[in-house]
Amino acid sequence: MLLAHDERHVRRRVMETTDGQRVLVDLPEPVMLNHGDLLVLDNGAEVWIEAAEEALYDVQARDLVHQAELAWHIGNRHLAAEIQPEGIRILQDHVIRTMLEKLGATVSEVRAPFVPVRGAYSGTSASHGHHHHHNHDKNDTDHG
């Protein structure tokens, strides 16, 4: 199942697999599905979660101290961020880009899967053992 970052936060929602199958995910509490997580359906079928390519910024710093400062500013605005050895990736937002460039960052546009750092209070991974309902009703709609 190919999902963008914001589509991977789920509690109860009808989702479509890459082959067009509709699946009702119905969990007792919200979870953040990660790239590589596995949904095990009631019928035993397995659906792998893949992070979809998204419009991102690659944020490059002058050095490690500067990268830490940039990460602090990004975190202070509660933005999802993917921390990599060579920089930071965030979702595109022109206001944030301007701020980062004023702070001395080099910012470039990329399209790539977005796998941000999970928050400290986000709980454990959703993989391994969570069961989800397989929906056969083609007329069911998204329930959020």
Protein backbone atom coordinates (compact mmCIF):
# COMPACT_ATOMS: atom_id res chain seq x y z
CA MET A 1 0.00 0.00 0.00
CA LEU A 2 1.65 3.21 -1.18
CA LEU A 3 0.86 6.06 1.25
CA ALA A 4 2.05 9.63 1.76
CA HIS A 5 3.23 10.70 5.23
CA ASP A 6 -0.12 12.19 6.30
CA GLU A 7 -2.02 9.14 5.00
CA ARG A 8 -0.01 6.80 7.25
CA HIS A 9 -1.60 8.17 10.46
CA VAL A 10 -4.62 5.90 10.85
CA ARG A 11 -7.29 4.87 13.32
CA ARG A 12 -10.29 3.93 11.19
CA ARG A 13 -10.28 4.41 7.44
CA VAL A 14 -10.95 2.61 4.19
CA MET A 15 -7.71 2.43 2.23
CA GLU A 16 -6.90 1.10 -1.21
CA THR A 17 -4.02 -1.26 -1.93
CA THR A 18 -1.78 -0.81 -4.97
CA ASP A 19 -3.80 -3.51 -6.77
CA GLY A 20 -7.12 -1.70 -6.14
CA GLN A 21 -8.37 -3.79 -3.20
CA ARG A 22 -10.27 -1.79 -0.55
CA VAL A 23 -9.30 -2.48 3.06
CA LEU A 24 -10.97 -1.15 6.20
CA VAL A 25 -8.32 -0.40 8.81
CA ASP A 26 -10.07 -0.28 12.19
CA LEU A 27 -7.77 0.07 15.20
CA PRO A 28 -8.57 0.72 18.87
CA GLU A 29 -6.32 3.82 18.83
CA PRO A 30 -4.49 5.91 16.20
CA VAL A 31 -1.14 4.62 14.95
CA MET A 32 1.50 5.90 12.57
CA LEU A 33 2.14 3.27 9.93
CA ASN A 34 5.78 3.29 8.90
CA HIS A 35 7.48 2.39 5.65
CA GLY A 36 7.96 -1.38 5.81
CA ASP A 37 5.13 -2.07 8.27
CA LEU A 38 2.90 -5.04 7.57
CA LEU A 39 -0.88 -5.13 7.90
CA VAL A 40 -2.29 -8.61 8.49
CA LEU A 41 -5.89 -8.73 7.32
CA ASP A 42 -8.62 -10.79 8.97
CA ASN A 43 -8.45 -13.23 6.05
CA GLY A 44 -4.71 -13.74 6.60
CA ALA A 45 -3.63 -11.68 3.60
CA GLU A 46 -0.67 -9.36 4.14
CA VAL A 47 -0.35 -5.77 2.93
CA TRP A 48 3.02 -4.00 3.10
CA ILE A 49 3.15 -0.26 3.76
CA GLU A 50 5.36 1.81 1.47
CA ALA A 51 6.15 5.51 1.80
CA ALA A 52 5.03 7.36 -1.33
CA GLU A 53 7.23 9.95 -3.02
CA GLU A 54 6.40 13.47 -1.90
CA ALA A 55 7.53 17.02 -2.62
CA LEU A 56 10.29 17.62 -0.06
CA TYR A 57 13.13 19.96 0.75
CA ASP A 58 16.65 18.69 1.29
CA VAL A 59 18.11 21.02 3.92
CA GLN A 60 21.91 21.20 4.01
CA ALA A 61 23.88 22.81 6.82
CA ARG A 62 27.45 24.22 6.92
CA ASP A 63 28.51 21.76 9.62
CA LEU A 64 27.12 19.53 12.37
CA VAL A 65 26.53 22.38 14.82
CA HIS A 66 24.64 24.32 12.16
CA GLN A 67 22.60 21.18 11.35
CA ALA A 68 21.66 20.86 15.02
CA GLU A 69 20.58 24.52 15.05
CA LEU A 70 18.47 24.02 11.92
CA ALA A 71 16.92 20.88 13.42
CA TRP A 72 16.05 22.87 16.54
CA HIS A 73 14.24 25.53 14.47
CA ILE A 74 12.37 22.87 12.50
CA GLY A 75 11.40 21.03 15.69
CA ASN A 76 10.40 24.26 17.40
CA ARG A 77 7.75 24.62 14.68
CA HIS A 78 6.60 21.01 15.27
CA LEU A 79 7.40 20.01 11.69
CA ALA A 80 7.92 16.41 10.71
CA ALA A 81 11.57 15.91 9.76
CA GLU A 82 13.64 13.08 8.36
CA ILE A 83 17.16 13.26 9.79
CA GLN A 84 19.83 11.89 7.47
CA PRO A 85 23.63 11.85 7.77
CA GLU A 86 23.89 14.41 4.96
CA GLY A 87 21.04 16.71 6.02
CA ILE A 88 17.39 17.06 6.96
CA ARG A 89 14.31 16.44 4.80
CA ILE A 90 11.02 18.20 5.39
CA LEU A 91 7.76 18.66 3.49
CA GLN A 92 7.83 21.65 1.16
CA ASP A 93 6.61 24.93 2.66
CA HIS A 94 7.85 28.19 1.13
CA VAL A 95 7.68 30.09 4.44
CA ILE A 96 9.88 27.50 6.17
CA ARG A 97 12.25 27.49 3.19
CA THR A 98 12.71 31.26 3.49
CA MET A 99 13.37 30.93 7.24
CA LEU A 100 15.95 28.16 6.72
CA GLU A 101 17.75 30.07 3.97
CA LYS A 102 17.90 33.16 6.22
CA LEU A 103 19.51 30.90 8.83
CA GLY A 104 22.22 29.97 6.28
CA ALA A 105 20.87 26.61 5.05
CA THR A 106 21.05 25.44 1.47
CA VAL A 107 17.60 24.20 0.49
CA SER A 108 16.80 22.18 -2.62
CA GLU A 109 13.59 20.61 -3.87
CA VAL A 110 13.39 16.81 -4.24
CA ARG A 111 10.77 14.12 -4.74
CA ALA A 112 11.35 11.12 -2.50
CA PRO A 113 9.64 8.87 0.04
CA PHE A 114 9.26 10.77 3.34
CA VAL A 115 10.06 8.81 6.49
CA PRO A 116 10.31 11.36 9.32
CA VAL A 117 11.54 10.70 12.83
CA ARG A 118 8.72 9.47 15.04
CA GLY A 119 7.78 11.66 17.97
CA ALA A 120 8.85 10.72 21.47
CA TYR A 121 5.22 10.18 22.49
CA SER A 122 4.03 8.42 19.32
CA GLY A 123 4.11 4.90 20.77
CA THR A 124 5.59 1.81 19.24
CA SER A 125 5.66 0.68 15.65
CA ALA A 126 2.42 -0.60 14.14
CA SER A 127 4.09 -3.58 12.52
CA HIS A 128 3.94 -7.21 13.56
CA GLY A 129 0.65 -8.45 14.80
CA HIS A 130 -1.89 -5.70 14.25
CA HIS A 131 -4.93 -7.09 12.50
CA HIS A 132 -7.05 -5.06 10.15
CA HIS A 133 -10.41 -5.73 8.56
CA HIS A 134 -10.74 -6.58 4.90
CA ASN A 135 -13.62 -4.64 3.45
CA HIS A 136 -15.67 -6.26 0.69
CA ASP A 137 -18.23 -3.42 0.50
CA LYS A 138 -17.16 -1.27 -2.47
CA ASN A 139 -19.57 1.48 -1.41
CA ASP A 140 -18.04 2.06 2.04
CA THR A 141 -16.43 5.47 2.45
CA ASP A 142 -13.50 6.87 4.36
CA HIS A 143 -14.25 7.26 8.05
CA GLY A 144 -11.19 9.30 8.94
